[in-house]
Protein backbone atom coordinates (compact mmCIF):
# COMPACT_ATOMS: atom_id res chain seq x y z
CA UNK A 1 70.25 186.11 137.86
CA UNK A 2 70.93 185.04 141.35
CA UNK A 3 72.60 181.32 140.64
CA UNK A 4 73.26 179.26 143.56
CA UNK A 5 76.42 176.67 141.90
CA UNK A 6 76.70 173.68 144.24
CA UNK A 7 80.30 172.00 144.37
CA UNK A 8 81.49 175.62 143.25
CA UNK A 9 85.29 174.76 144.53
CA UNK A 10 85.48 172.15 141.68
CA UNK A 11 86.72 171.93 138.44
CA UNK A 12 83.55 172.30 136.39
CA UNK A 13 82.08 174.36 138.85
CA UNK A 14 85.00 176.93 139.74
CA UNK A 15 84.96 177.50 136.36
CA UNK A 16 81.30 178.04 135.92
CA UNK A 17 80.99 180.32 139.08
CA UNK A 18 83.92 182.87 137.61
CA UNK A 19 82.08 182.64 134.20
CA UNK A 20 78.54 183.43 135.19
CA UNK A 21 80.29 186.02 137.75
CA UNK A 22 81.52 188.07 134.79
CA UNK A 23 78.68 188.00 132.70
CA UNK A 24 77.03 190.10 135.51
CA UNK A 25 75.07 187.11 137.43
CA UNK A 26 74.58 187.50 141.78
CA UNK A 27 77.14 183.95 142.02
CA UNK A 28 77.28 181.84 145.26
CA UNK A 29 79.91 178.91 145.45
CA UNK A 30 78.14 176.33 147.68
CA UNK A 31 80.81 173.77 148.90
CA UNK A 32 82.14 171.21 151.58
CA UNK A 33 85.69 171.05 150.22
CA UNK A 34 85.33 167.17 149.99
CA UNK A 35 86.70 167.77 145.95
CA UNK A 36 90.32 168.58 148.07
CA UNK A 37 89.87 166.16 150.70
CA UNK A 38 89.63 163.04 147.93
CA UNK A 39 92.89 164.16 146.90
CA UNK A 40 94.59 163.96 149.60
CA UNK A 41 92.88 160.25 150.73
CA UNK A 42 94.16 158.30 147.51
CA UNK A 43 97.65 160.65 148.23
CA UNK A 44 97.26 162.73 144.89
CA UNK A 45 97.62 166.29 143.48
CA UNK A 46 95.98 167.78 140.47
CA UNK A 47 98.87 168.86 138.38
CA UNK A 48 98.26 172.82 139.15
CA UNK A 49 98.58 174.30 142.49
CA UNK A 50 94.84 175.43 143.39
CA UNK A 51 94.78 177.77 146.28
CA UNK A 52 92.47 178.15 149.59
CA UNK A 53 89.01 178.76 147.92
CA UNK A 54 88.90 181.64 150.18
CA UNK A 55 92.51 183.34 148.62
CA UNK A 56 90.31 182.64 144.86
CA UNK A 57 87.91 184.25 146.03
CA UNK A 58 89.55 187.43 147.35
CA UNK A 59 91.32 187.57 144.14
CA UNK A 60 88.77 187.31 142.01
CA UNK A 61 87.09 190.18 143.93
CA UNK A 62 90.23 192.27 143.59
CA UNK A 63 90.88 191.76 139.93
CA UNK A 64 86.68 192.48 139.52
CA UNK A 65 84.86 194.21 142.03
CA UNK A 66 82.83 191.28 142.11
CA UNK A 67 81.64 188.89 145.51
CA UNK A 68 80.76 185.61 145.22
CA UNK A 69 79.09 184.18 148.27
CA UNK A 70 80.24 181.27 149.58
CA UNK A 71 78.41 179.29 151.72
CA UNK A 72 80.38 175.85 153.38
CA UNK A 73 78.47 172.94 154.01
CA UNK A 74 77.34 168.96 153.16
CA UNK A 75 74.42 168.84 150.52
CA UNK A 76 73.43 165.71 152.02
CA UNK A 77 72.77 167.60 155.22
CA UNK A 78 68.98 168.58 154.08
CA UNK A 79 69.17 171.77 156.95
CA UNK A 80 71.59 173.15 155.32
CA UNK A 81 70.38 172.96 151.80
CA UNK A 82 67.52 174.26 153.11
CA UNK A 83 69.15 177.54 154.85
CA UNK A 84 71.18 178.25 152.00
CA UNK A 85 68.36 178.40 149.61
CA UNK A 86 66.44 180.74 151.99
CA UNK A 87 69.27 182.82 152.76
CA UNK A 88 70.25 183.35 149.09
CA UNK A 89 66.77 182.79 147.04
CA UNK A 90 68.58 181.62 144.16
CA UNK A 91 66.30 182.23 140.85
CA UNK A 92 68.56 178.82 139.17
CA UNK A 93 70.68 176.16 141.36
CA UNK A 94 73.47 174.49 139.23
CA UNK A 95 74.13 171.03 141.24
CA UNK A 96 77.56 169.52 140.50
CA UNK A 97 78.04 168.85 144.20
CA UNK A 98 78.75 164.89 143.53
CA UNK A 99 81.52 162.06 143.66
CA UNK A 100 81.57 162.07 139.93
CA UNK A 101 84.70 159.48 139.64
CA UNK A 102 83.52 155.97 138.12
CA UNK A 103 86.51 154.54 139.70
CA UNK A 104 86.59 156.13 142.49
CA UNK A 105 82.97 154.47 143.08
CA UNK A 106 84.34 151.33 142.25
CA UNK A 107 87.13 151.06 144.82
CA UNK A 108 85.44 149.20 147.48
CA UNK A 109 82.56 148.79 149.37
CA UNK A 110 82.67 151.54 151.38
CA UNK A 111 83.42 153.75 148.42
CA UNK A 112 80.74 152.59 146.25
CA UNK A 113 78.27 153.29 148.92
CA UNK A 114 79.68 156.38 149.84
CA UNK A 115 79.36 157.68 146.26
CA UNK A 116 75.68 156.53 145.94
CA UNK A 117 74.39 157.99 149.76
CA UNK A 118 76.03 161.31 148.70
CA UNK A 119 75.12 161.50 145.79
CA UNK A 120 71.76 160.33 145.76
CA UNK A 121 70.89 162.12 148.90
CA UNK A 122 72.00 165.12 148.19
CA UNK A 123 70.00 165.67 144.98
CA UNK A 124 66.97 164.70 146.77
CA UNK A 125 67.99 167.07 149.97
CA UNK A 126 68.24 169.95 147.11
CA UNK A 127 65.12 168.41 145.30
CA UNK A 128 62.85 168.73 148.48
CA UNK A 129 64.34 172.54 149.34
CA UNK A 130 63.37 173.69 146.47
CA UNK A 131 59.67 172.45 146.81
CA UNK A 132 59.73 173.50 150.18
CA UNK A 133 61.30 177.04 149.90
CA UNK A 134 60.34 177.99 145.87
CA UNK A 135 58.98 175.53 143.66
CA UNK A 136 59.90 178.01 141.04
CA UNK A 137 63.62 178.23 141.39
CA UNK A 138 65.23 176.21 137.71
CA UNK A 139 67.49 173.01 138.68
CA UNK A 140 70.59 172.58 136.59
CA UNK A 141 71.84 169.41 137.48
CA UNK A 142 74.56 167.45 135.98
CA UNK A 143 74.18 164.29 134.29
CA UNK A 144 76.37 161.86 132.44
CA UNK A 145 76.37 160.65 128.77
CA UNK A 146 77.80 157.50 131.03
CA UNK A 147 74.54 156.84 131.93
CA UNK A 148 73.32 155.65 128.43
CA UNK A 149 76.22 152.97 128.38
CA UNK A 150 76.86 151.96 124.87
CA UNK A 151 74.00 150.87 123.14
CA UNK A 152 73.85 149.97 119.65
CA UNK A 153 71.88 152.25 118.61
CA UNK A 154 71.54 156.10 118.34
CA UNK A 155 71.49 157.56 121.85
CA UNK A 156 68.78 160.27 121.97
CA UNK A 157 68.89 163.15 123.78
CA UNK A 158 67.28 161.99 126.63
CA UNK A 159 63.61 160.28 125.17
CA UNK A 160 63.43 157.50 122.75
CA UNK A 161 60.07 157.17 121.18
CA UNK A 162 59.09 153.36 120.62
CA UNK A 163 56.16 151.26 119.14
CA UNK A 164 55.22 148.09 121.26
CA UNK A 165 52.43 145.64 120.08
CA UNK A 166 51.07 148.57 118.05
CA UNK A 167 51.36 151.55 120.84
CA UNK A 168 53.56 154.57 120.49
CA UNK A 169 55.01 156.27 123.54
CA UNK A 170 58.32 158.77 124.04
CA UNK A 171 59.92 156.98 127.41
CA UNK A 172 62.97 157.69 128.71
CA UNK A 173 66.28 156.17 126.57
CA UNK A 174 67.27 152.69 127.92
CA UNK A 175 70.26 152.98 130.81
CA UNK A 176 73.11 151.12 130.80
CA UNK A 177 75.11 152.76 133.48
CA UNK A 178 79.09 150.93 133.63
CA UNK A 179 79.70 151.61 137.50
CA UNK A 180 78.74 152.86 140.68
CA UNK A 181 78.95 156.32 140.22
CA UNK A 182 77.06 156.36 137.01
CA UNK A 183 74.53 154.60 138.38
CA UNK A 184 73.73 157.23 141.08
CA UNK A 185 73.06 159.64 138.05
CA UNK A 186 70.43 157.33 136.86
CA UNK A 187 68.93 157.86 140.51
CA UNK A 188 69.06 161.51 140.23
CA UNK A 189 67.78 161.30 136.54
CA UNK A 190 64.52 159.22 137.71
CA UNK A 191 63.86 160.85 141.22
CA UNK A 192 64.04 164.47 139.49
CA UNK A 193 61.93 163.65 136.72
CA UNK A 194 59.67 162.51 139.30
CA UNK A 195 59.57 165.34 141.28
CA UNK A 196 59.05 167.05 137.82
CA UNK A 197 55.67 165.22 137.35
CA UNK A 198 54.39 164.93 140.81
CA UNK A 199 55.34 168.42 142.49
CA UNK A 200 55.81 170.44 139.60
CA UNK A 201 59.71 171.39 139.44
CA UNK A 202 61.60 172.67 136.64
CA UNK A 203 64.61 170.94 135.85
CA UNK A 204 67.04 170.55 132.97
CA UNK A 205 69.49 167.12 133.19
CA UNK A 206 72.56 168.37 131.85
CA UNK A 207 73.81 165.03 130.42
CA UNK A 208 78.12 165.81 130.39
CA UNK A 209 80.48 164.43 128.29
CA UNK A 210 84.25 164.16 129.36
CA UNK A 211 85.50 168.19 129.77
CA UNK A 212 89.12 168.84 128.78
CA UNK A 213 91.06 172.08 129.28
CA UNK A 214 91.94 174.01 132.14
CA UNK A 215 91.69 177.58 130.09
CA UNK A 216 88.96 179.86 129.98
CA UNK A 217 89.30 183.97 130.22
CA UNK A 218 88.27 184.13 133.91
CA UNK A 219 90.97 181.73 134.99
CA UNK A 220 93.49 183.26 132.80
CA UNK A 221 93.25 186.52 134.60
CA UNK A 222 95.93 185.26 137.50
CA UNK A 223 97.31 182.17 138.53
CA UNK A 224 95.50 182.09 142.10
CA UNK A 225 92.18 181.41 139.64
CA UNK A 226 93.80 178.40 138.12
CA UNK A 227 91.90 175.57 137.39
CA UNK A 228 92.45 171.58 138.41
CA UNK A 229 94.12 169.76 135.80
CA UNK A 230 94.11 166.09 136.80
CA UNK A 231 95.93 163.29 135.33
CA UNK A 232 95.87 160.21 138.11
CA UNK A 233 93.83 157.10 137.07
CA UNK A 234 90.89 157.78 139.74
CA UNK A 235 89.92 161.63 139.01
CA UNK A 236 92.04 162.22 136.05
CA UNK A 237 90.52 161.70 132.19
CA UNK A 238 92.26 160.05 129.90
CA UNK A 239 92.96 163.03 127.65
CA UNK A 240 94.67 165.11 130.79
CA UNK A 241 96.64 161.50 131.38
CA UNK A 242 97.84 161.45 127.51
CA UNK A 243 98.85 165.25 127.67
CA UNK A 244 100.74 164.90 131.31
CA UNK A 245 102.23 161.68 129.46
CA UNK A 246 103.50 163.74 127.21
CA UNK A 247 105.01 166.43 128.89
CA UNK A 248 107.41 164.38 130.38
CA UNK A 249 108.01 161.79 127.99
CA UNK A 250 105.94 158.68 129.41
CA UNK A 251 104.28 156.53 126.78
CA UNK A 252 100.71 157.35 126.65
CA UNK A 253 98.53 154.14 127.88
CA UNK A 254 95.64 153.25 125.61
CA UNK A 255 93.54 150.92 127.58
CA UNK A 256 92.90 148.02 125.47
CA UNK A 257 92.45 148.17 122.29
CA UNK A 258 91.78 152.36 122.93
CA UNK A 259 88.55 151.72 120.50
CA UNK A 260 86.10 153.37 123.85
CA UNK A 261 84.18 156.28 122.48
CA UNK A 262 82.84 159.16 124.32
CA UNK A 263 81.84 162.90 123.78
CA UNK A 264 84.07 165.28 124.74
CA UNK A 265 83.80 169.09 124.96
CA UNK A 266 85.49 172.32 126.55
CA UNK A 267 84.88 173.28 129.71
CA UNK A 268 84.86 176.65 128.07
CA UNK A 269 82.14 175.25 126.31
CA UNK A 270 80.65 173.48 129.70
CA UNK A 271 79.81 176.94 131.43
CA UNK A 272 78.50 178.32 128.44
CA UNK A 273 76.22 175.57 127.89
CA UNK A 274 74.96 176.10 132.00
CA UNK A 275 74.34 179.48 131.45
CA UNK A 276 72.36 178.75 128.31
CA UNK A 277 70.19 176.37 130.51
CA UNK A 278 69.75 179.09 132.86
CA UNK A 279 68.94 181.33 130.69
CA UNK A 280 66.46 179.64 129.38
CA UNK A 281 64.78 177.66 131.92
CA UNK A 282 62.65 174.51 131.95
CA UNK A 283 58.76 175.13 132.12
CA UNK A 284 57.01 174.63 135.35
CA UNK A 285 56.47 170.68 135.69
CA UNK A 286 59.06 170.04 132.44
CA UNK A 287 62.20 167.68 132.74
CA UNK A 288 63.90 168.22 129.84
CA UNK A 289 67.70 166.20 129.09
CA UNK A 290 70.50 167.81 126.92
CA UNK A 291 73.20 165.69 125.34
CA UNK A 292 76.30 168.17 126.66
CA UNK A 293 79.55 167.46 124.09
CA UNK A 294 80.64 169.07 121.01
CA UNK A 295 83.07 166.10 119.00
CA UNK A 296 82.99 162.18 119.73
CA UNK A 297 86.86 160.57 120.25
CA UNK A 298 87.97 157.09 120.72
CA UNK A 299 90.77 156.63 123.05
CA UNK A 300 92.74 155.42 120.60
CA UNK A 301 92.25 158.54 118.47
CA UNK A 302 92.72 161.11 121.33
CA UNK A 303 96.16 159.04 122.20
CA UNK A 304 97.37 159.68 118.48
CA UNK A 305 96.22 163.36 118.32
CA UNK A 306 98.10 163.58 121.79
CA UNK A 307 101.39 161.99 119.75
CA UNK A 308 101.25 163.84 116.54
CA UNK A 309 100.83 167.63 118.02
CA UNK A 310 103.84 166.48 120.58
CA UNK A 311 106.18 165.57 117.54
CA UNK A 312 105.25 168.96 116.12
CA UNK A 313 107.02 170.36 119.42
CA UNK A 314 109.76 168.09 119.16
CA UNK A 315 108.64 165.84 121.85
CA UNK A 316 109.20 162.44 121.48
CA UNK A 317 105.74 160.09 122.33
CA UNK A 318 105.17 156.86 121.85
CA UNK A 319 101.77 155.03 122.52
CA UNK A 320 101.41 151.29 124.37
CA UNK A 321 98.02 149.34 125.50
CA UNK A 322 97.77 148.09 128.39
CA UNK A 323 95.05 145.55 129.62
CA UNK A 324 91.68 147.24 130.32
CA UNK A 325 90.64 147.36 134.18
CA UNK A 326 87.28 148.49 133.77
CA UNK A 327 84.70 146.34 132.26
CA UNK A 328 83.32 147.53 129.68
CA UNK A 329 83.25 147.10 125.19
CA UNK A 330 86.40 148.03 123.54
CA UNK A 331 84.95 148.75 120.09
CA UNK A 332 81.26 149.81 119.40
CA UNK A 333 79.02 151.50 118.01
CA UNK A 334 78.64 155.04 119.25
CA UNK A 335 76.44 158.33 117.84
CA UNK A 336 74.55 160.39 120.64
CA UNK A 337 72.87 163.21 119.22
CA UNK A 338 73.50 166.71 120.64
CA UNK A 339 71.61 169.67 119.12
CA UNK A 340 69.49 171.05 121.65
CA UNK A 341 71.88 173.23 123.18
CA UNK A 342 73.67 174.25 119.68
CA UNK A 343 69.98 175.32 119.32
CA UNK A 344 70.02 177.65 122.11
CA UNK A 345 73.26 179.71 120.89
CA UNK A 346 75.98 177.03 121.54
CA UNK A 347 79.14 177.70 119.12
CA UNK A 348 81.22 175.16 120.13
CA UNK A 349 85.34 175.45 120.48
CA UNK A 350 87.73 172.12 118.79
CA UNK A 351 89.90 170.14 120.34
CA UNK A 352 92.15 170.57 117.39
CA UNK A 353 92.18 174.20 118.63
CA UNK A 354 92.30 173.57 122.16
CA UNK A 355 94.74 170.95 122.34
CA UNK A 356 98.23 173.23 122.82
CA UNK A 357 97.52 176.05 124.46
CA UNK A 358 95.10 174.54 127.43
CA UNK A 359 96.49 170.95 127.62
CA UNK A 360 99.91 170.41 126.85
CA UNK A 361 101.44 173.20 127.49
CA UNK A 362 100.14 173.58 131.09
CA UNK A 363 101.45 170.07 131.57
CA UNK A 364 104.64 171.44 130.10
CA UNK A 365 104.60 174.60 131.98
CA UNK A 366 103.83 172.64 135.64
CA UNK A 367 105.70 168.72 134.62
CA UNK A 368 107.77 168.83 137.88
CA UNK A 369 104.59 168.12 139.74
CA UNK A 370 103.94 165.08 137.53
CA UNK A 371 104.24 161.73 139.49
CA UNK A 372 104.67 159.22 136.93
CA UNK A 373 103.00 156.76 139.60
CA UNK A 374 100.02 157.91 138.96
CA UNK A 375 99.48 156.73 135.15
CA UNK A 376 99.49 153.05 136.59
CA UNK A 377 95.82 151.96 136.91
CA UNK A 378 95.16 150.66 140.46
CA UNK A 379 91.44 149.91 140.54
CA UNK A 380 90.76 147.05 138.61
CA UNK A 381 86.71 146.35 138.17
CA UNK A 382 87.18 143.12 137.57
CA UNK A 383 89.12 141.76 140.91
CA UNK A 384 88.20 140.01 144.09
CA UNK A 385 90.57 142.73 145.54
CA UNK A 386 91.56 146.03 144.47
CA UNK A 387 94.21 148.64 145.33
CA UNK A 388 94.40 151.58 146.43
CA UNK A 389 96.81 154.47 146.54
CA UNK A 390 96.55 156.70 150.07
CA UNK A 391 98.95 158.66 151.73
CA UNK A 392 99.88 162.32 151.93
CA UNK A 393 100.42 164.58 149.12
CA UNK A 394 102.93 165.84 150.65
CA UNK A 395 104.87 162.15 151.15
CA UNK A 396 105.29 159.58 149.28
CA UNK A 397 101.84 157.58 148.74
CA UNK A 398 100.96 153.61 150.09
CA UNK A 399 99.51 151.21 148.25
CA UNK A 400 96.95 149.27 150.67
CA UNK A 401 94.95 146.07 149.30
CA UNK A 402 91.98 145.98 150.07
CA UNK A 403 88.75 143.60 149.94
CA UNK A 404 86.15 144.27 147.50
């Protein structure tokens, strides 16, 4: 199958591109390197040393003999994405090419507007390009479980059947996004659903939980192929932060009570889910939604798991509670359905089997690169003013206060 991976230089995109290539698919990466630029803007660096994309692709070819094509450009430019569609002629497009950080979108006006313009316009451009060039191409869009928020009812997979005034209908599950980033994903979902209905496009929206881990079979082949390990407070995940803190003996910083519960999955399951969606495409005119995660944990449960495993490894770890900088319920009901990908054949990896090799050991291997200053939350979602980190990754970051 010919598959274009938009955002293929990023965390999920890179692992997906390698996995799909290893399985015999013809793969193209489409990227404008914005993710690397955001690190420079914020004055941070991923824990693992990431090589230039051209070097990564060269190493992949030398190891496997497989070519991954590269298209450099911005999906928010319609002429560019339409030219990619005409040149590569993909049967499926996997869309990772978005600003994916909730804290980044909440820094200030500029970052909120950029997030929504970049994400919504990029997706609209893709939808129009598919309609004009190949309406049969299957769009596999990375959504987020954050679209749903934390309702006090079970979260279904995309749709909810309701009865109102004696009549019954199946409608999109109510959305309660918690950031300008999550709002952009809701807009994406509405636009995709609309174009499937009126243009007959085919699309799968993968509402993904929090992804963890750096290890896939492909990434392990050479250090030049290593994936990102983001632990900073803007782009890093809470589990990555805990593992980096454990590696240097810093307290694990839990926001508030730590009752915030979300769905999680191993990066190895992400890439498999993408392939399953591509191999089993939606029908023409169908907009289907899969909830893409394998386990649910609260933040405090994650901290306790890291502390327990770290102790077995001889690491002294404590847990500290900080005021929650986000506007969210610190304790809430959370029960989300996630059976559709399992029905297609997903066999999940569990965190209990991944925490050491794919997370803590990686943090220990590169602990000399850990900057403890990056643990501290600086984006306060409630405040009238925010502080954000700027500067060059090679120099000392500077704290700059900005009005929101």
